[in-house]
């Protein structure tokens, strides 16, 4: 009988920004614009992928794999493999640590080839 082999996840560099617990309008706008520069903005309740402002006033990110609100203290993560995701501070701190790495692949370059809705 064959025994299972052990594997470890390969490290993938990410970029991340944390929504402060008491954000100013400028800090929230900076995060919104960062996400928007990659996946674009959409009208609320459009059903399309992108970033918008939820009726609650929170930033709302919708991708093909998930739909999340950016709550106070949460981290917005951009991975060149999976696009954008949102993680709570505890999950983020247990999984990630600061790194000095080369800049990530700029997914905006793919907009000339692929429809933005198909990226995330």
PDB file of N, CA and C in Angstrom:
ATOM      1  N   UNK A   1       0.840  -1.187   0.000  1.00  0.00           N
ATOM      2  CA  UNK A   1       0.000   0.000   0.000  1.00  0.00           C
ATOM      3  C   UNK A   1       0.885   1.251   0.000  1.00  0.00           C
ATOM      4  N   UNK A   2       0.519   2.227  -0.779  1.00  0.00           N
ATOM      5  CA  UNK A   2       1.271   3.469  -0.884  1.00  0.00           C
ATOM      6  C   UNK A   2       0.915   4.395   0.277  1.00  0.00           C
ATOM      7  N   UNK A   3       1.917   5.023   0.838  1.00  0.00           N
ATOM      8  CA  UNK A   3       1.720   5.965   1.946  1.00  0.00           C
ATOM      9  C   UNK A   3       1.661   7.389   1.408  1.00  0.00           C
ATOM     10  N   UNK A   4       0.870   8.259   2.038  1.00  0.00           N
ATOM     11  CA  UNK A   4       0.824   9.654   1.576  1.00  0.00           C
ATOM     12  C   UNK A   4       2.166  10.340   1.825  1.00  0.00           C
ATOM     13  N   UNK A   5       2.523  11.235   0.930  1.00  0.00           N
ATOM     14  CA  UNK A   5       3.731  12.037   1.064  1.00  0.00           C
ATOM     15  C   UNK A   5       3.373  13.364   1.705  1.00  0.00           C
ATOM     16  N   UNK A   6       4.313  13.959   2.373  1.00  0.00           N
ATOM     17  CA  UNK A   6       4.083  15.261   3.014  1.00  0.00           C
ATOM     18  C   UNK A   6       4.530  16.376   2.077  1.00  0.00           C
ATOM     19  N   UNK A   7       3.757  17.475   2.055  1.00  0.00           N
ATOM     20  CA  UNK A   7       4.058  18.635   1.222  1.00  0.00           C
ATOM     21  C   UNK A   7       3.900  19.895   2.054  1.00  0.00           C
ATOM     22  N   UNK A   8       4.576  20.927   1.620  1.00  0.00           N
ATOM     23  CA  UNK A   8       4.446  22.232   2.259  1.00  0.00           C
ATOM     24  C   UNK A   8       4.141  23.256   1.178  1.00  0.00           C
ATOM     25  N   UNK A   9       3.291  24.201   1.488  1.00  0.00           N
ATOM     26  CA  UNK A   9       2.947  25.256   0.548  1.00  0.00           C
ATOM     27  C   UNK A   9       4.184  26.059   0.183  1.00  0.00           C
ATOM     28  N   UNK A  10       4.342  26.314  -1.110  1.00  0.00           N
ATOM     29  CA  UNK A  10       5.450  27.160  -1.556  1.00  0.00           C
ATOM     30  C   UNK A  10       5.155  28.602  -1.169  1.00  0.00           C
ATOM     31  N   UNK A  11       6.180  29.341  -0.772  1.00  0.00           N
ATOM     32  CA  UNK A  11       5.923  30.742  -0.427  1.00  0.00           C
ATOM     33  C   UNK A  11       5.550  31.564  -1.664  1.00  0.00           C
ATOM     34  N   UNK A  12       4.525  32.352  -1.526  1.00  0.00           N
ATOM     35  CA  UNK A  12       4.093  33.258  -2.583  1.00  0.00           C
ATOM     36  C   UNK A  12       4.063  34.663  -2.006  1.00  0.00           C
ATOM     37  N   UNK A  13       4.861  35.572  -2.545  1.00  0.00           N
ATOM     38  CA  UNK A  13       4.822  36.937  -2.015  1.00  0.00           C
ATOM     39  C   UNK A  13       3.472  37.589  -2.301  1.00  0.00           C
ATOM     40  N   UNK A  14       3.035  38.390  -1.376  1.00  0.00           N
ATOM     41  CA  UNK A  14       1.771  39.116  -1.514  1.00  0.00           C
ATOM     42  C   UNK A  14       2.008  40.589  -1.241  1.00  0.00           C
ATOM     43  N   UNK A  15       1.037  41.394  -1.573  1.00  0.00           N
ATOM     44  CA  UNK A  15       0.981  42.786  -1.133  1.00  0.00           C
ATOM     45  C   UNK A  15      -0.242  42.900  -0.246  1.00  0.00           C
ATOM     46  N   UNK A  16      -0.174  43.730   0.774  1.00  0.00           N
ATOM     47  CA  UNK A  16      -1.319  43.857   1.677  1.00  0.00           C
ATOM     48  C   UNK A  16      -1.382  45.260   2.270  1.00  0.00           C
ATOM     49  N   UNK A  17      -2.605  45.690   2.527  1.00  0.00           N
ATOM     50  CA  UNK A  17      -2.850  46.960   3.209  1.00  0.00           C
ATOM     51  C   UNK A  17      -3.889  46.697   4.299  1.00  0.00           C
ATOM     52  N   UNK A  18      -3.651  47.257   5.485  1.00  0.00           N
ATOM     53  CA  UNK A  18      -4.599  47.063   6.583  1.00  0.00           C
ATOM     54  C   UNK A  18      -5.506  48.278   6.710  1.00  0.00           C
ATOM     55  N   UNK A  19      -6.803  47.990   6.839  1.00  0.00           N
ATOM     56  CA  UNK A  19      -7.763  49.050   7.135  1.00  0.00           C
ATOM     57  C   UNK A  19      -7.577  49.400   8.609  1.00  0.00           C
ATOM     58  N   UNK A  20      -7.189  50.638   8.917  1.00  0.00           N
ATOM     59  CA  UNK A  20      -6.995  51.003  10.327  1.00  0.00           C
ATOM     60  C   UNK A  20      -8.279  50.818  11.141  1.00  0.00           C
ATOM     61  N   UNK A  21      -8.120  50.681  12.449  1.00  0.00           N
ATOM     62  CA  UNK A  21      -9.285  50.530  13.321  1.00  0.00           C
ATOM     63  C   UNK A  21     -10.072  51.832  13.420  1.00  0.00           C
ATOM     64  N   UNK A  22      -9.415  52.965  13.205  1.00  0.00           N
ATOM     65  CA  UNK A  22     -10.071  54.271  13.142  1.00  0.00           C
ATOM     66  C   UNK A  22      -9.575  54.991  11.895  1.00  0.00           C
ATOM     67  N   UNK A  23     -10.025  54.554  10.722  1.00  0.00           N
ATOM     68  CA  UNK A  23      -9.487  55.114   9.485  1.00  0.00           C
ATOM     69  C   UNK A  23      -9.988  56.519   9.197  1.00  0.00           C
ATOM     70  N   UNK A  24      -9.109  57.310   8.608  1.00  0.00           N
ATOM     71  CA  UNK A  24      -9.533  58.596   8.073  1.00  0.00           C
ATOM     72  C   UNK A  24     -10.124  58.325   6.691  1.00  0.00           C
ATOM     73  N   UNK A  25     -10.834  59.294   6.149  1.00  0.00           N
ATOM     74  CA  UNK A  25     -11.367  59.132   4.796  1.00  0.00           C
ATOM     75  C   UNK A  25     -10.228  58.912   3.800  1.00  0.00           C
ATOM     76  N   UNK A  26      -9.097  59.590   4.000  1.00  0.00           N
ATOM     77  CA  UNK A  26      -7.958  59.467   3.093  1.00  0.00           C
ATOM     78  C   UNK A  26      -7.375  58.059   3.130  1.00  0.00           C
ATOM     79  N   UNK A  27      -7.285  57.450   4.317  1.00  0.00           N
ATOM     80  CA  UNK A  27      -6.741  56.091   4.430  1.00  0.00           C
ATOM     81  C   UNK A  27      -7.662  55.078   3.746  1.00  0.00           C
ATOM     82  N   UNK A  28      -8.951  55.215   3.954  1.00  0.00           N
ATOM     83  CA  UNK A  28      -9.914  54.306   3.319  1.00  0.00           C
ATOM     84  C   UNK A  28      -9.883  54.493   1.800  1.00  0.00           C
ATOM     85  N   UNK A  29      -9.791  55.732   1.340  1.00  0.00           N
ATOM     86  CA  UNK A  29      -9.740  56.011  -0.092  1.00  0.00           C
ATOM     87  C   UNK A  29      -8.484  55.417  -0.714  1.00  0.00           C
ATOM     88  N   UNK A  30      -7.366  55.460   0.000  1.00  0.00           N
ATOM     89  CA  UNK A  30      -6.116  54.895  -0.511  1.00  0.00           C
ATOM     90  C   UNK A  30      -6.262  53.390  -0.769  1.00  0.00           C
ATOM     91  N   UNK A  31      -6.892  52.679   0.143  1.00  0.00           N
ATOM     92  CA  UNK A  31      -7.111  51.240  -0.038  1.00  0.00           C
ATOM     93  C   UNK A  31      -8.064  51.002  -1.205  1.00  0.00           C
ATOM     94  N   UNK A  32      -9.149  51.756  -1.250  1.00  0.00           N
ATOM     95  CA  UNK A  32     -10.127  51.621  -2.337  1.00  0.00           C
ATOM     96  C   UNK A  32      -9.451  51.825  -3.694  1.00  0.00           C
ATOM     97  N   UNK A  33      -8.662  52.888  -3.811  1.00  0.00           N
ATOM     98  CA  UNK A  33      -8.015  53.198  -5.083  1.00  0.00           C
ATOM     99  C   UNK A  33      -6.976  52.150  -5.477  1.00  0.00           C
ATOM    100  N   UNK A  34      -6.302  51.578  -4.480  1.00  0.00           N
ATOM    101  CA  UNK A  34      -5.324  50.519  -4.757  1.00  0.00           C
ATOM    102  C   UNK A  34      -6.027  49.314  -5.381  1.00  0.00           C
ATOM    103  N   UNK A  35      -7.129  48.879  -4.767  1.00  0.00           N
ATOM    104  CA  UNK A  35      -7.883  47.738  -5.303  1.00  0.00           C
ATOM    105  C   UNK A  35      -8.470  48.102  -6.666  1.00  0.00           C
ATOM    106  N   UNK A  36      -9.046  49.272  -6.781  1.00  0.00           N
ATOM    107  CA  UNK A  36      -9.672  49.718  -8.019  1.00  0.00           C
ATOM    108  C   UNK A  36      -8.677  49.746  -9.183  1.00  0.00           C
ATOM    109  N   UNK A  37      -7.427  50.101  -8.894  1.00  0.00           N
ATOM    110  CA  UNK A  37      -6.426  50.188  -9.957  1.00  0.00           C
ATOM    111  C   UNK A  37      -6.152  48.822 -10.599  1.00  0.00           C
ATOM    112  N   UNK A  38      -6.486  47.758  -9.903  1.00  0.00           N
ATOM    113  CA  UNK A  38      -6.284  46.409 -10.446  1.00  0.00           C
ATOM    114  C   UNK A  38      -7.551  45.789 -11.008  1.00  0.00           C
ATOM    115  N   UNK A  39      -8.662  45.920 -10.304  1.00  0.00           N
ATOM    116  CA  UNK A  39      -9.866  45.188 -10.740  1.00  0.00           C
ATOM    117  C   UNK A  39     -11.019  46.102 -11.147  1.00  0.00           C
ATOM    118  N   UNK A  40     -10.842  47.404 -11.033  1.00  0.00           N
ATOM    119  CA  UNK A  40     -11.884  48.326 -11.455  1.00  0.00           C
ATOM    120  C   UNK A  40     -12.996  48.480 -10.425  1.00  0.00           C
ATOM    121  N   UNK A  41     -13.803  49.482 -10.618  1.00  0.00           N
ATOM    122  CA  UNK A  41     -14.941  49.713  -9.732  1.00  0.00           C
ATOM    123  C   UNK A  41     -16.216  49.315 -10.461  1.00  0.00           C
ATOM    124  N   UNK A  42     -17.220  48.964  -9.689  1.00  0.00           N
ATOM    125  CA  UNK A  42     -18.503  48.557 -10.255  1.00  0.00           C
ATOM    126  C   UNK A  42     -19.621  49.224  -9.470  1.00  0.00           C
ATOM    127  N   UNK A  43     -20.783  49.276 -10.069  1.00  0.00           N
ATOM    128  CA  UNK A  43     -21.950  49.801  -9.371  1.00  0.00           C
ATOM    129  C   UNK A  43     -22.388  48.799  -8.309  1.00  0.00           C
ATOM    130  N   UNK A  44     -22.867  49.286  -7.154  1.00  0.00           N
ATOM    131  CA  UNK A  44     -23.364  48.356  -6.130  1.00  0.00           C
ATOM    132  C   UNK A  44     -24.451  47.449  -6.712  1.00  0.00           C
ATOM    133  N   UNK A  45     -24.463  46.216  -6.276  1.00  0.00           N
ATOM    134  CA  UNK A  45     -25.465  45.229  -6.704  1.00  0.00           C
ATOM    135  C   UNK A  45     -25.458  44.956  -8.209  1.00  0.00           C
ATOM    136  N   UNK A  46     -24.326  45.224  -8.878  1.00  0.00           N
ATOM    137  CA  UNK A  46     -24.249  44.959 -10.317  1.00  0.00           C
ATOM    138  C   UNK A  46     -24.027  43.481 -10.605  1.00  0.00           C
ATOM    139  N   UNK A  47     -23.523  42.749  -9.610  1.00  0.00           N
ATOM    140  CA  UNK A  47     -23.234  41.338  -9.817  1.00  0.00           C
ATOM    141  C   UNK A  47     -21.908  41.094 -10.505  1.00  0.00           C
ATOM    142  N   UNK A  48     -21.197  42.158 -10.862  1.00  0.00           N
ATOM    143  CA  UNK A  48     -19.918  42.024 -11.547  1.00  0.00           C
ATOM    144  C   UNK A  48     -18.769  42.085 -10.550  1.00  0.00           C
ATOM    145  N   UNK A  49     -17.610  41.588 -10.980  1.00  0.00           N
ATOM    146  CA  UNK A  49     -16.413  41.642 -10.149  1.00  0.00           C
ATOM    147  C   UNK A  49     -15.852  43.051 -10.127  1.00  0.00           C
ATOM    148  N   UNK A  50     -15.377  43.471  -8.964  1.00  0.00           N
ATOM    149  CA  UNK A  50     -14.779  44.789  -8.816  1.00  0.00           C
ATOM    150  C   UNK A  50     -14.926  45.272  -7.393  1.00  0.00           C
ATOM    151  N   UNK A  51     -14.633  46.535  -7.185  1.00  0.00           N
ATOM    152  CA  UNK A  51     -14.711  47.129  -5.857  1.00  0.00           C
ATOM    153  C   UNK A  51     -15.785  48.222  -5.870  1.00  0.00           C
ATOM    154  N   UNK A  52     -16.486  48.335  -4.773  1.00  0.00           N
ATOM    155  CA  UNK A  52     -17.526  49.353  -4.632  1.00  0.00           C
ATOM    156  C   UNK A  52     -17.656  49.700  -3.154  1.00  0.00           C
ATOM    157  N   UNK A  53     -18.505  50.655  -2.859  1.00  0.00           N
ATOM    158  CA  UNK A  53     -18.804  51.002  -1.477  1.00  0.00           C
ATOM    159  C   UNK A  53     -20.147  50.371  -1.123  1.00  0.00           C
ATOM    160  N   UNK A  54     -20.144  49.551  -0.106  1.00  0.00           N
ATOM    161  CA  UNK A  54     -21.348  48.871   0.383  1.00  0.00           C
ATOM    162  C   UNK A  54     -22.270  49.919   1.019  1.00  0.00           C
ATOM    163  N   UNK A  55     -23.596  49.698   1.050  1.00  0.00           N
ATOM    164  CA  UNK A  55     -24.496  50.650   1.706  1.00  0.00           C
ATOM    165  C   UNK A  55     -24.105  50.970   3.160  1.00  0.00           C
ATOM    166  N   UNK A  56     -23.389  50.044   3.804  1.00  0.00           N
ATOM    167  CA  UNK A  56     -22.937  50.276   5.182  1.00  0.00           C
ATOM    168  C   UNK A  56     -21.780  51.267   5.249  1.00  0.00           C
ATOM    169  N   UNK A  57     -21.206  51.613   4.081  1.00  0.00           N
ATOM    170  CA  UNK A  57     -20.064  52.515   4.035  1.00  0.00           C
ATOM    171  C   UNK A  57     -18.730  51.796   3.964  1.00  0.00           C
ATOM    172  N   UNK A  58     -18.748  50.461   4.090  1.00  0.00           N
ATOM    173  CA  UNK A  58     -17.510  49.682   4.022  1.00  0.00           C
ATOM    174  C   UNK A  58     -17.118  49.421   2.568  1.00  0.00           C
ATOM    175  N   UNK A  59     -15.825  49.213   2.336  1.00  0.00           N
ATOM    176  CA  UNK A  59     -15.354  48.822   1.013  1.00  0.00           C
ATOM    177  C   UNK A  59     -15.804  47.382   0.774  1.00  0.00           C
ATOM    178  N   UNK A  60     -16.326  47.129  -0.421  1.00  0.00           N
ATOM    179  CA  UNK A  60     -16.850  45.812  -0.797  1.00  0.00           C
ATOM    180  C   UNK A  60     -16.057  45.317  -2.005  1.00  0.00           C
ATOM    181  N   UNK A  61     -15.401  44.150  -1.868  1.00  0.00           N
ATOM    182  CA  UNK A  61     -14.607  43.572  -2.953  1.00  0.00           C
ATOM    183  C   UNK A  61     -15.282  42.285  -3.405  1.00  0.00           C
ATOM    184  N   UNK A  62     -15.570  42.213  -4.710  1.00  0.00           N
ATOM    185  CA  UNK A  62     -16.178  41.004  -5.273  1.00  0.00           C
ATOM    186  C   UNK A  62     -15.257  40.442  -6.333  1.00  0.00           C
ATOM    187  N   UNK A  63     -14.860  39.186  -6.135  1.00  0.00           N
ATOM    188  CA  UNK A  63     -14.055  38.481  -7.123  1.00  0.00           C
ATOM    189  C   UNK A  63     -14.827  37.241  -7.560  1.00  0.00           C
ATOM    190  N   UNK A  64     -14.235  36.468  -8.456  1.00  0.00           N
ATOM    191  CA  UNK A  64     -14.905  35.232  -8.874  1.00  0.00           C
ATOM    192  C   UNK A  64     -15.008  34.235  -7.736  1.00  0.00           C
ATOM    193  N   UNK A  65     -14.045  34.286  -6.797  1.00  0.00           N
ATOM    194  CA  UNK A  65     -14.026  33.281  -5.739  1.00  0.00           C
ATOM    195  C   UNK A  65     -14.668  33.722  -4.427  1.00  0.00           C
ATOM    196  N   UNK A  66     -14.781  35.024  -4.195  1.00  0.00           N
ATOM    197  CA  UNK A  66     -15.363  35.469  -2.933  1.00  0.00           C
ATOM    198  C   UNK A  66     -15.895  36.893  -3.019  1.00  0.00           C
ATOM    199  N   UNK A  67     -16.694  37.221  -2.033  1.00  0.00           N
ATOM    200  CA  UNK A  67     -17.279  38.542  -1.910  1.00  0.00           C
ATOM    201  C   UNK A  67     -17.102  38.952  -0.455  1.00  0.00           C
ATOM    202  N   UNK A  68     -16.345  40.034  -0.208  1.00  0.00           N
ATOM    203  CA  UNK A  68     -15.996  40.400   1.166  1.00  0.00           C
ATOM    204  C   UNK A  68     -16.138  41.887   1.411  1.00  0.00           C
ATOM    205  N   UNK A  69     -16.473  42.216   2.661  1.00  0.00           N
ATOM    206  CA  UNK A  69     -16.441  43.595   3.131  1.00  0.00           C
ATOM    207  C   UNK A  69     -15.127  43.796   3.873  1.00  0.00           C
ATOM    208  N   UNK A  70     -14.528  44.961   3.701  1.00  0.00           N
ATOM    209  CA  UNK A  70     -13.283  45.282   4.398  1.00  0.00           C
ATOM    210  C   UNK A  70     -13.671  45.962   5.709  1.00  0.00           C
ATOM    211  N   UNK A  71     -13.616  45.204   6.779  1.00  0.00           N
ATOM    212  CA  UNK A  71     -13.983  45.726   8.098  1.00  0.00           C
ATOM    213  C   UNK A  71     -12.773  46.374   8.763  1.00  0.00           C
ATOM    214  N   UNK A  72     -13.029  47.146   9.806  1.00  0.00           N
ATOM    215  CA  UNK A  72     -11.959  47.832  10.518  1.00  0.00           C
ATOM    216  C   UNK A  72     -10.945  46.814  11.037  1.00  0.00           C
ATOM    217  N   UNK A  73      -9.675  47.059  10.785  1.00  0.00           N
ATOM    218  CA  UNK A  73      -8.608  46.173  11.220  1.00  0.00           C
ATOM    219  C   UNK A  73      -8.302  45.039  10.262  1.00  0.00           C
ATOM    220  N   UNK A  74      -9.147  44.813   9.273  1.00  0.00           N
ATOM    221  CA  UNK A  74      -8.918  43.720   8.328  1.00  0.00           C
ATOM    222  C   UNK A  74      -7.859  44.089   7.304  1.00  0.00           C
ATOM    223  N   UNK A  75      -7.267  43.068   6.725  1.00  0.00           N
ATOM    224  CA  UNK A  75      -6.231  43.220   5.715  1.00  0.00           C
ATOM    225  C   UNK A  75      -6.790  42.906   4.339  1.00  0.00           C
ATOM    226  N   UNK A  76      -6.457  43.749   3.363  1.00  0.00           N
ATOM    227  CA  UNK A  76      -6.763  43.482   1.958  1.00  0.00           C
ATOM    228  C   UNK A  76      -5.470  42.942   1.363  1.00  0.00           C
ATOM    229  N   UNK A  77      -5.554  41.758   0.765  1.00  0.00           N
ATOM    230  CA  UNK A  77      -4.381  41.050   0.269  1.00  0.00           C
ATOM    231  C   UNK A  77      -4.488  40.905  -1.241  1.00  0.00           C
ATOM    232  N   UNK A  78      -3.376  41.160  -1.926  1.00  0.00           N
ATOM    233  CA  UNK A  78      -3.309  40.909  -3.374  1.00  0.00           C
ATOM    234  C   UNK A  78      -2.223  39.886  -3.626  1.00  0.00           C
ATOM    235  N   UNK A  79      -2.613  38.776  -4.209  1.00  0.00           N
ATOM    236  CA  UNK A  79      -1.685  37.712  -4.575  1.00  0.00           C
ATOM    237  C   UNK A  79      -1.643  37.623  -6.094  1.00  0.00           C
ATOM    238  N   UNK A  80      -0.456  37.427  -6.678  1.00  0.00           N
ATOM    239  CA  UNK A  80      -0.403  37.276  -8.136  1.00  0.00           C
ATOM    240  C   UNK A  80      -1.071  35.979  -8.603  1.00  0.00           C
ATOM    241  N   UNK A  81      -1.314  35.054  -7.688  1.00  0.00           N
ATOM    242  CA  UNK A  81      -1.942  33.780  -8.055  1.00  0.00           C
ATOM    243  C   UNK A  81      -3.449  33.789  -7.891  1.00  0.00           C
ATOM    244  N   UNK A  82      -3.951  34.471  -6.840  1.00  0.00           N
ATOM    245  CA  UNK A  82      -5.381  34.379  -6.530  1.00  0.00           C
ATOM    246  C   UNK A  82      -6.111  35.711  -6.565  1.00  0.00           C
ATOM    247  N   UNK A  83      -5.433  36.807  -6.839  1.00  0.00           N
ATOM    248  CA  UNK A  83      -6.078  38.108  -6.864  1.00  0.00           C
ATOM    249  C   UNK A  83      -6.280  38.659  -5.466  1.00  0.00           C
ATOM    250  N   UNK A  84      -7.409  39.335  -5.244  1.00  0.00           N
ATOM    251  CA  UNK A  84      -7.672  39.995  -3.970  1.00  0.00           C
ATOM    252  C   UNK A  84      -8.468  39.121  -3.019  1.00  0.00           C
ATOM    253  N   UNK A  85      -8.135  39.234  -1.730  1.00  0.00           N
ATOM    254  CA  UNK A  85      -8.907  38.600  -0.670  1.00  0.00           C
ATOM    255  C   UNK A  85      -8.841  39.496   0.559  1.00  0.00           C
ATOM    256  N   UNK A  86      -9.687  39.207   1.530  1.00  0.00           N
ATOM    257  CA  UNK A  86      -9.741  39.981   2.765  1.00  0.00           C
ATOM    258  C   UNK A  86      -9.601  39.008   3.930  1.00  0.00           C
ATOM    259  N   UNK A  87      -8.713  39.324   4.860  1.00  0.00           N
ATOM    260  CA  UNK A  87      -8.491  38.465   6.029  1.00  0.00           C
ATOM    261  C   UNK A  87      -8.540  39.300   7.304  1.00  0.00           C
ATOM    262  N   UNK A  88      -9.061  38.697   8.363  1.00  0.00           N
ATOM    263  CA  UNK A  88      -9.058  39.344   9.666  1.00  0.00           C
ATOM    264  C   UNK A  88      -7.638  39.454  10.195  1.00  0.00           C
ATOM    265  N   UNK A  89      -7.413  40.345  11.173  1.00  0.00           N
ATOM    266  CA  UNK A  89      -6.052  40.560  11.672  1.00  0.00           C
ATOM    267  C   UNK A  89      -5.409  39.309  12.266  1.00  0.00           C
ATOM    268  N   UNK A  90      -6.164  38.471  12.977  1.00  0.00           N
ATOM    269  CA  UNK A  90      -5.592  37.263  13.564  1.00  0.00           C
ATOM    270  C   UNK A  90      -5.121  36.272  12.521  1.00  0.00           C
ATOM    271  N   UNK A  91      -5.954  36.035  11.522  1.00  0.00           N
ATOM    272  CA  UNK A  91      -5.598  35.120  10.432  1.00  0.00           C
ATOM    273  C   UNK A  91      -4.384  35.660   9.689  1.00  0.00           C
ATOM    274  N   UNK A  92      -4.389  36.953   9.397  1.00  0.00           N
ATOM    275  CA  UNK A  92      -3.280  37.550   8.654  1.00  0.00           C
ATOM    276  C   UNK A  92      -1.969  37.404   9.423  1.00  0.00           C
ATOM    277  N   UNK A  93      -1.977  37.751  10.704  1.00  0.00           N
ATOM    278  CA  UNK A  93      -0.752  37.709  11.500  1.00  0.00           C
ATOM    279  C   UNK A  93      -0.226  36.292  11.692  1.00  0.00           C
ATOM    280  N   UNK A  94      -1.113  35.287  11.721  1.00  0.00           N
ATOM    281  CA  UNK A  94      -0.673  33.896  11.842  1.00  0.00           C
ATOM    282  C   UNK A  94      -0.099  33.340  10.541  1.00  0.00           C
ATOM    283  N   UNK A  95      -0.496  33.918   9.417  1.00  0.00           N
ATOM    284  CA  UNK A  95      -0.097  33.358   8.126  1.00  0.00           C
ATOM    285  C   UNK A  95       1.035  34.127   7.448  1.00  0.00           C
ATOM    286  N   UNK A  96       1.112  35.426   7.654  1.00  0.00           N
ATOM    287  CA  UNK A  96       2.054  36.262   6.901  1.00  0.00           C
ATOM    288  C   UNK A  96       3.037  36.974   7.813  1.00  0.00           C
ATOM    289  N   UNK A  97       4.202  37.268   7.251  1.00  0.00           N
ATOM    290  CA  UNK A  97       5.184  38.107   7.944  1.00  0.00           C
ATOM    291  C   UNK A  97       5.794  39.046   6.912  1.00  0.00           C
ATOM    292  N   UNK A  98       6.237  40.222   7.350  1.00  0.00           N
ATOM    293  CA  UNK A  98       6.798  41.187   6.397  1.00  0.00           C
ATOM    294  C   UNK A  98       8.017  40.610   5.668  1.00  0.00           C
ATOM    295  N   UNK A  99       8.138  40.918   4.394  1.00  0.00           N
ATOM    296  CA  UNK A  99       9.243  40.438   3.572  1.00  0.00           C
ATOM    297  C   UNK A  99       9.730  41.558   2.663  1.00  0.00           C
ATOM    298  N   UNK A 100      10.994  41.520   2.355  1.00  0.00           N
ATOM    299  CA  UNK A 100      11.555  42.383   1.326  1.00  0.00           C
ATOM    300  C   UNK A 100      11.677  41.520   0.080  1.00  0.00           C
ATOM    301  N   UNK A 101      10.781  41.727  -0.873  1.00  0.00           N
ATOM    302  CA  UNK A 101      10.770  40.907  -2.082  1.00  0.00           C
ATOM    303  C   UNK A 101      10.647  41.795  -3.302  1.00  0.00           C
ATOM    304  N   UNK A 102      10.874  41.197  -4.452  1.00  0.00           N
ATOM    305  CA  UNK A 102      10.687  41.901  -5.711  1.00  0.00           C
ATOM    306  C   UNK A 102       9.211  42.280  -5.859  1.00  0.00           C
ATOM    307  N   UNK A 103       8.916  43.353  -6.581  1.00  0.00           N
ATOM    308  CA  UNK A 103       7.505  43.713  -6.800  1.00  0.00           C
ATOM    309  C   UNK A 103       6.747  42.568  -7.459  1.00  0.00           C
ATOM    310  N   UNK A 104       5.464  42.475  -7.126  1.00  0.00           N
ATOM    311  CA  UNK A 104       4.619  41.438  -7.709  1.00  0.00           C
ATOM    312  C   UNK A 104       4.379  41.711  -9.183  1.00  0.00           C
ATOM    313  N   UNK A 105       3.992  40.673  -9.888  1.00  0.00           N
ATOM    314  CA  UNK A 105       3.599  40.835 -11.283  1.00  0.00           C
ATOM    315  C   UNK A 105       2.449  41.831 -11.328  1.00  0.00           C
ATOM    316  N   UNK A 106       2.523  42.773 -12.229  1.00  0.00           N
ATOM    317  CA  UNK A 106       1.476  43.786 -12.322  1.00  0.00           C
ATOM    318  C   UNK A 106       0.336  43.249 -13.171  1.00  0.00           C
ATOM    319  N   UNK A 107      -0.741  42.818 -12.503  1.00  0.00           N
ATOM    320  CA  UNK A 107      -1.873  42.231 -13.211  1.00  0.00           C
ATOM    321  C   UNK A 107      -2.582  43.227 -14.115  1.00  0.00           C
ATOM    322  N   UNK A 108      -2.348  44.515 -13.915  1.00  0.00           N
ATOM    323  CA  UNK A 108      -2.995  45.504 -14.780  1.00  0.00           C
ATOM    324  C   UNK A 108      -2.544  45.356 -16.219  1.00  0.00           C
ATOM    325  N   UNK A 109      -1.347  44.808 -16.444  1.00  0.00           N
ATOM    326  CA  UNK A 109      -0.858  44.609 -17.805  1.00  0.00           C
ATOM    327  C   UNK A 109      -1.744  43.625 -18.565  1.00  0.00           C
ATOM    328  N   UNK A 110      -2.373  42.704 -17.854  1.00  0.00           N
ATOM    329  CA  UNK A 110      -3.215  41.705 -18.499  1.00  0.00           C
ATOM    330  C   UNK A 110      -4.538  42.283 -18.993  1.00  0.00           C
ATOM    331  N   UNK A 111      -4.889  43.500 -18.557  1.00  0.00           N
ATOM    332  CA  UNK A 111      -6.158  44.086 -18.984  1.00  0.00           C
ATOM    333  C   UNK A 111      -6.218  44.263 -20.494  1.00  0.00           C
ATOM    334  N   UNK A 112      -5.070  44.370 -21.139  1.00  0.00           N
ATOM    335  CA  UNK A 112      -5.076  44.522 -22.588  1.00  0.00           C
ATOM    336  C   UNK A 112      -5.379  43.196 -23.278  1.00  0.00           C
ATOM    337  N   UNK A 113      -5.199  42.085 -22.541  1.00  0.00           N
ATOM    338  CA  UNK A 113      -5.404  40.762 -23.117  1.00  0.00           C
ATOM    339  C   UNK A 113      -6.720  40.141 -22.655  1.00  0.00           C
ATOM    340  N   UNK A 114      -7.005  40.276 -21.356  1.00  0.00           N
ATOM    341  CA  UNK A 114      -8.167  39.628 -20.766  1.00  0.00           C
ATOM    342  C   UNK A 114      -9.180  40.656 -20.275  1.00  0.00           C
ATOM    343  N   UNK A 115     -10.416  40.262 -20.288  1.00  0.00           N
ATOM    344  CA  UNK A 115     -11.483  41.071 -19.703  1.00  0.00           C
ATOM    345  C   UNK A 115     -11.290  41.081 -18.188  1.00  0.00           C
ATOM    346  N   UNK A 116     -11.393  42.226 -17.544  1.00  0.00           N
ATOM    347  CA  UNK A 116     -11.188  42.324 -16.095  1.00  0.00           C
ATOM    348  C   UNK A 116     -12.054  41.349 -15.310  1.00  0.00           C
ATOM    349  N   UNK A 117     -13.256  41.092 -15.776  1.00  0.00           N
ATOM    350  CA  UNK A 117     -14.161  40.207 -15.047  1.00  0.00           C
ATOM    351  C   UNK A 117     -13.629  38.781 -14.998  1.00  0.00           C
ATOM    352  N   UNK A 118     -12.774  38.411 -15.915  1.00  0.00           N
ATOM    353  CA  UNK A 118     -12.253  37.048 -15.958  1.00  0.00           C
ATOM    354  C   UNK A 118     -10.973  36.881 -15.141  1.00  0.00           C
ATOM    355  N   UNK A 119     -10.409  37.982 -14.643  1.00  0.00           N
ATOM    356  CA  UNK A 119      -9.162  37.892 -13.881  1.00  0.00           C
ATOM    357  C   UNK A 119      -9.388  37.398 -12.473  1.00  0.00           C
ATOM    358  N   UNK A 120     -10.483  37.748 -11.840  1.00  0.00           N
ATOM    359  CA  UNK A 120     -10.676  37.438 -10.419  1.00  0.00           C
ATOM    360  C   UNK A 120     -11.937  36.653 -10.199  1.00  0.00           C
TER     361      UNK A 120
END
